[in-house]
C-alpha atoms as a PDB file:
ATOM      1  CA  MET A   1      85.766 -55.957  -5.669  1.00  0.00           C
ATOM      2  CA  GLU A   2      83.943 -53.279  -3.642  1.00  0.00           C
ATOM      3  CA  PRO A   3      84.656 -50.213  -3.714  1.00  0.00           C
ATOM      4  CA  ARG A   4      86.072 -48.451  -0.780  1.00  0.00           C
ATOM      5  CA  LEU A   5      87.162 -44.704   0.097  1.00  0.00           C
ATOM      6  CA  HIS A   6      90.614 -44.470   0.626  1.00  0.00           C
ATOM      7  CA  ALA A   7      91.140 -41.334   2.743  1.00  0.00           C
ATOM      8  CA  VAL A   8      89.846 -37.650   3.352  1.00  0.00           C
ATOM      9  CA  LEU A   9      91.000 -35.570   0.298  1.00  0.00           C
ATOM     10  CA  GLU A  10      90.425 -32.273   1.318  1.00  0.00           C
ATOM     11  CA  THR A  11      87.704 -30.786   4.195  1.00  0.00           C
ATOM     12  CA  SER A  12      86.762 -26.936   4.496  1.00  0.00           C
ATOM     13  CA  LEU A  13      86.108 -24.116   6.752  1.00  0.00           C
ATOM     14  CA  TYR A  14      84.502 -21.337   6.390  1.00  0.00           C
ATOM     15  CA  VAL A  15      86.126 -17.491   7.176  1.00  0.00           C
ATOM     16  CA  THR A  16      84.620 -14.079   7.061  1.00  0.00           C
ATOM     17  CA  ASP A  17      88.282 -12.476   5.942  1.00  0.00           C
ATOM     18  CA  LEU A  18      89.940 -15.117   3.266  1.00  0.00           C
ATOM     19  CA  ASP A  19      93.194 -12.985   2.924  1.00  0.00           C
ATOM     20  CA  ARG A  20      93.493 -12.733   7.146  1.00  0.00           C
ATOM     21  CA  ALA A  21      92.754 -16.580   6.749  1.00  0.00           C
ATOM     22  CA  VAL A  22      94.792 -17.326   4.586  1.00  0.00           C
ATOM     23  CA  ALA A  23      97.895 -15.357   5.949  1.00  0.00           C
ATOM     24  CA  PHE A  24      97.192 -17.160   9.234  1.00  0.00           C
ATOM     25  CA  TYR A  25      97.401 -20.811   7.915  1.00  0.00           C
ATOM     26  CA  GLU A  26     100.920 -19.894   5.761  1.00  0.00           C
ATOM     27  CA  SER A  27     102.492 -18.012   8.727  1.00  0.00           C
ATOM     28  CA  VAL A  28     101.333 -20.377  11.734  1.00  0.00           C
ATOM     29  CA  LEU A  29     100.856 -23.523  10.256  1.00  0.00           C
ATOM     30  CA  GLY A  30     103.159 -23.823   7.424  1.00  0.00           C
ATOM     31  CA  LEU A  31     100.770 -24.148   4.998  1.00  0.00           C
ATOM     32  CA  ARG A  32     101.023 -23.870   1.014  1.00  0.00           C
ATOM     33  CA  GLN A  33      98.372 -21.989  -0.998  1.00  0.00           C
ATOM     34  CA  ILE A  34      97.785 -24.696  -3.828  1.00  0.00           C
ATOM     35  CA  THR A  35      96.061 -21.948  -6.222  1.00  0.00           C
ATOM     36  CA  GLU A  36      97.020 -19.180  -8.099  1.00  0.00           C
ATOM     37  CA  ALA A  37      94.674 -17.166  -6.992  1.00  0.00           C
ATOM     38  CA  TYR A  38      91.801 -17.061  -4.616  1.00  0.00           C
ATOM     39  CA  PHE A  39      88.763 -18.901  -6.585  1.00  0.00           C
ATOM     40  CA  ALA A  40      86.480 -16.685  -8.237  1.00  0.00           C
ATOM     41  CA  ARG A  41      85.262 -13.405  -7.316  1.00  0.00           C
ATOM     42  CA  GLY A  42      87.568 -13.751  -3.821  1.00  0.00           C
ATOM     43  CA  ARG A  43      85.298 -16.862  -2.395  1.00  0.00           C
ATOM     44  CA  GLY A  44      87.784 -19.323  -1.565  1.00  0.00           C
ATOM     45  CA  ALA A  45      91.501 -20.611  -1.583  1.00  0.00           C
ATOM     46  CA  ALA A  46      92.954 -24.190  -1.264  1.00  0.00           C
ATOM     47  CA  LEU A  47      96.066 -24.963   0.663  1.00  0.00           C
ATOM     48  CA  GLN A  48      98.389 -28.428   0.801  1.00  0.00           C
ATOM     49  CA  VAL A  49      98.886 -29.999   4.048  1.00  0.00           C
ATOM     50  CA  GLY A  50     101.634 -31.442   4.623  1.00  0.00           C
ATOM     51  CA  SER A  51     103.516 -33.534   1.933  1.00  0.00           C
ATOM     52  CA  GLY A  52     100.718 -36.054   0.817  1.00  0.00           C
ATOM     53  CA  PRO A  53      97.351 -35.668  -1.271  1.00  0.00           C
ATOM     54  CA  SER A  54      95.848 -33.190   1.910  1.00  0.00           C
ATOM     55  CA  VAL A  55      94.308 -30.489   1.214  1.00  0.00           C
ATOM     56  CA  LEU A  56      91.974 -27.407   3.779  1.00  0.00           C
ATOM     57  CA  LEU A  57      89.830 -25.626   1.258  1.00  0.00           C
ATOM     58  CA  LEU A  58      88.655 -21.692   3.157  1.00  0.00           C
ATOM     59  CA  PHE A  59      85.428 -20.482   1.841  1.00  0.00           C
ATOM     60  CA  ARG A  60      84.230 -17.177   2.635  1.00  0.00           C
ATOM     61  CA  ALA A  61      81.108 -17.827   3.671  1.00  0.00           C
ATOM     62  CA  ASP A  62      78.861 -14.672   2.525  1.00  0.00           C
ATOM     63  CA  ILE A  63      79.750 -15.478  -0.941  1.00  0.00           C
ATOM     64  CA  THR A  64      79.816 -19.877  -0.971  1.00  0.00           C
ATOM     65  CA  ARG A  65      76.406 -20.356   0.179  1.00  0.00           C
ATOM     66  CA  CYS A  66      74.896 -18.105  -2.277  1.00  0.00           C
ATOM     67  CA  ASP A  67      77.079 -18.668  -4.943  1.00  0.00           C
ATOM     68  CA  GLY A  68      75.359 -21.472  -6.664  1.00  0.00           C
ATOM     69  CA  THR A  69      78.389 -23.395  -8.785  1.00  0.00           C
ATOM     70  CA  LEU A  70      78.433 -25.910  -5.953  1.00  0.00           C
ATOM     71  CA  PRO A  71      76.698 -26.644  -2.813  1.00  0.00           C
ATOM     72  CA  ALA A  72      77.317 -25.234  -0.062  1.00  0.00           C
ATOM     73  CA  HIS A  73      80.697 -26.186   1.630  1.00  0.00           C
ATOM     74  CA  GLY A  74      80.976 -25.929   5.575  1.00  0.00           C
ATOM     75  CA  ALA A  75      78.954 -25.462   8.414  1.00  0.00           C
ATOM     76  CA  THR A  76      77.328 -22.747  10.318  1.00  0.00           C
ATOM     77  CA  GLY A  77      79.463 -21.808  13.395  1.00  0.00           C
ATOM     78  CA  ALA A  78      82.785 -22.739  14.293  1.00  0.00           C
ATOM     79  CA  GLY A  79      84.215 -26.031  12.614  1.00  0.00           C
ATOM     80  CA  HIS A  80      86.863 -28.013  13.268  1.00  0.00           C
ATOM     81  CA  VAL A  81      89.830 -29.330  11.668  1.00  0.00           C
ATOM     82  CA  ALA A  82      93.104 -31.989  13.102  1.00  0.00           C
ATOM     83  CA  PHE A  83      96.116 -31.768  11.846  1.00  0.00           C
ATOM     84  CA  ARG A  84      98.635 -35.171  12.366  1.00  0.00           C
ATOM     85  CA  VAL A  85     101.600 -34.359  13.656  1.00  0.00           C
ATOM     86  CA  GLU A  86     104.560 -36.447  14.988  1.00  0.00           C
ATOM     87  CA  ALA A  87     104.893 -36.869  18.774  1.00  0.00           C
ATOM     88  CA  ASP A  88     108.391 -35.424  19.046  1.00  0.00           C
ATOM     89  CA  GLU A  89     107.103 -32.259  17.273  1.00  0.00           C
ATOM     90  CA  PHE A  90     104.721 -31.070  20.064  1.00  0.00           C
ATOM     91  CA  PRO A  91     107.034 -28.775  22.268  1.00  0.00           C
ATOM     92  CA  VAL A  92     108.021 -27.305  18.889  1.00  0.00           C
ATOM     93  CA  TRP A  93     104.384 -26.444  17.710  1.00  0.00           C
ATOM     94  CA  ARG A  94     103.730 -25.190  21.056  1.00  0.00           C
ATOM     95  CA  GLN A  95     106.749 -22.594  20.711  1.00  0.00           C
ATOM     96  CA  ARG A  96     105.582 -21.843  17.627  1.00  0.00           C
ATOM     97  CA  LEU A  97     102.076 -21.362  18.536  1.00  0.00           C
ATOM     98  CA  LEU A  98     103.313 -18.916  21.444  1.00  0.00           C
ATOM     99  CA  LEU A  99     105.537 -17.097  18.807  1.00  0.00           C
ATOM    100  CA  HIS A 100     102.471 -16.143  16.307  1.00  0.00           C
ATOM    101  CA  GLY A 101     100.593 -15.214  19.330  1.00  0.00           C
ATOM    102  CA  VAL A 102      98.218 -17.999  19.273  1.00  0.00           C
ATOM    103  CA  PRO A 103      97.011 -18.966  22.642  1.00  0.00           C
ATOM    104  CA  ILE A 104      96.717 -22.891  23.481  1.00  0.00           C
ATOM    105  CA  GLU A 105      92.918 -23.153  24.393  1.00  0.00           C
ATOM    106  CA  ARG A 106      93.269 -26.682  26.048  1.00  0.00           C
ATOM    107  CA  GLU A 107      95.623 -29.663  25.908  1.00  0.00           C
ATOM    108  CA  PHE A 108      93.489 -32.697  26.084  1.00  0.00           C
ATOM    109  CA  THR A 109      95.061 -36.946  26.280  1.00  0.00           C
ATOM    110  CA  PHE A 110      93.513 -39.345  24.988  1.00  0.00           C
ATOM    111  CA  GLY A 111      94.970 -42.980  26.316  1.00  0.00           C
ATOM    112  CA  ASP A 112      98.828 -43.081  26.039  1.00  0.00           C
ATOM    113  CA  ASN A 113      99.408 -40.551  23.638  1.00  0.00           C
ATOM    114  CA  PRO A 114     100.652 -37.171  23.662  1.00  0.00           C
ATOM    115  CA  PRO A 115      98.482 -34.578  24.875  1.00  0.00           C
ATOM    116  CA  SER A 116      96.072 -32.969  22.091  1.00  0.00           C
ATOM    117  CA  ILE A 117      96.689 -29.351  21.676  1.00  0.00           C
ATOM    118  CA  TYR A 118      93.540 -27.297  21.034  1.00  0.00           C
ATOM    119  CA  PHE A 119      93.854 -23.543  19.597  1.00  0.00           C
ATOM    120  CA  ARG A 120      91.180 -21.228  17.252  1.00  0.00           C
ATOM    121  CA  ASP A 121      92.128 -19.608  14.181  1.00  0.00           C
ATOM    122  CA  PRO A 122      90.694 -16.036  14.001  1.00  0.00           C
ATOM    123  CA  ASP A 123      87.464 -17.272  12.481  1.00  0.00           C
ATOM    124  CA  GLY A 124      86.983 -19.444  15.946  1.00  0.00           C
ATOM    125  CA  ASN A 125      87.341 -22.478  13.870  1.00  0.00           C
ATOM    126  CA  SER A 126      88.953 -24.711  15.977  1.00  0.00           C
ATOM    127  CA  LEU A 127      92.173 -26.633  15.349  1.00  0.00           C
ATOM    128  CA  GLU A 128      93.828 -29.831  16.615  1.00  0.00           C
ATOM    129  CA  LEU A 129      96.966 -30.829  16.473  1.00  0.00           C
ATOM    130  CA  ALA A 130      97.371 -34.535  17.395  1.00  0.00           C
ATOM    131  CA  VAL A 131      99.330 -37.912  16.857  1.00  0.00           C
ATOM    132  CA  SER A 132      97.175 -40.486  14.543  1.00  0.00           C
ATOM    133  CA  GLY A 133      97.010 -43.300  17.275  1.00  0.00           C
ATOM    134  CA  ILE A 134      93.888 -41.084  19.438  1.00  0.00           C
ATOM    135  CA  TRP A 135      92.487 -43.366  17.219  1.00  0.00           C
ATOM    136  CA  PRO A 136      92.392 -47.592  16.662  1.00  0.00           C
ATOM    137  CA  LEU A 137      92.587 -47.192  12.850  1.00  0.00           C
ATOM    138  CA  GLU A 138      93.446 -49.897  10.666  1.00  0.00           C
ATOM    139  CA  ARG A 139      96.439 -49.886   8.501  1.00  0.00           C
ATOM    140  CA  ASP A 140      96.540 -51.118   4.857  1.00  0.00           C
END
């Protein structure tokens, strides 16, 4: 039997102010920090996305790039993460972003799906709320 990948378990973004970033992802997006404390020396934080095995890692670039513990996680400049939501949740998400003073950068429609909502975190990373139907995915 050939081995296969099952899903993306974690993805990471670089941030400059870890406290500010964690506060944004917890208060605006409702993510839950799953580490008792920040990684060693304030290097980063892990947040659970949804109820499944999906993790968003936030790393301080200035520490992580020169840490040497693990290979550098992330990219130079703004990154991108799309979070899966259900079609009927878009009005509530628009209201939540407005309530938190987060401007919607753009809404873009892929095919017959509801429009994806694009906005930025405090570090300029591009975030997207989208339905899974934007991709022609095969199901197990």
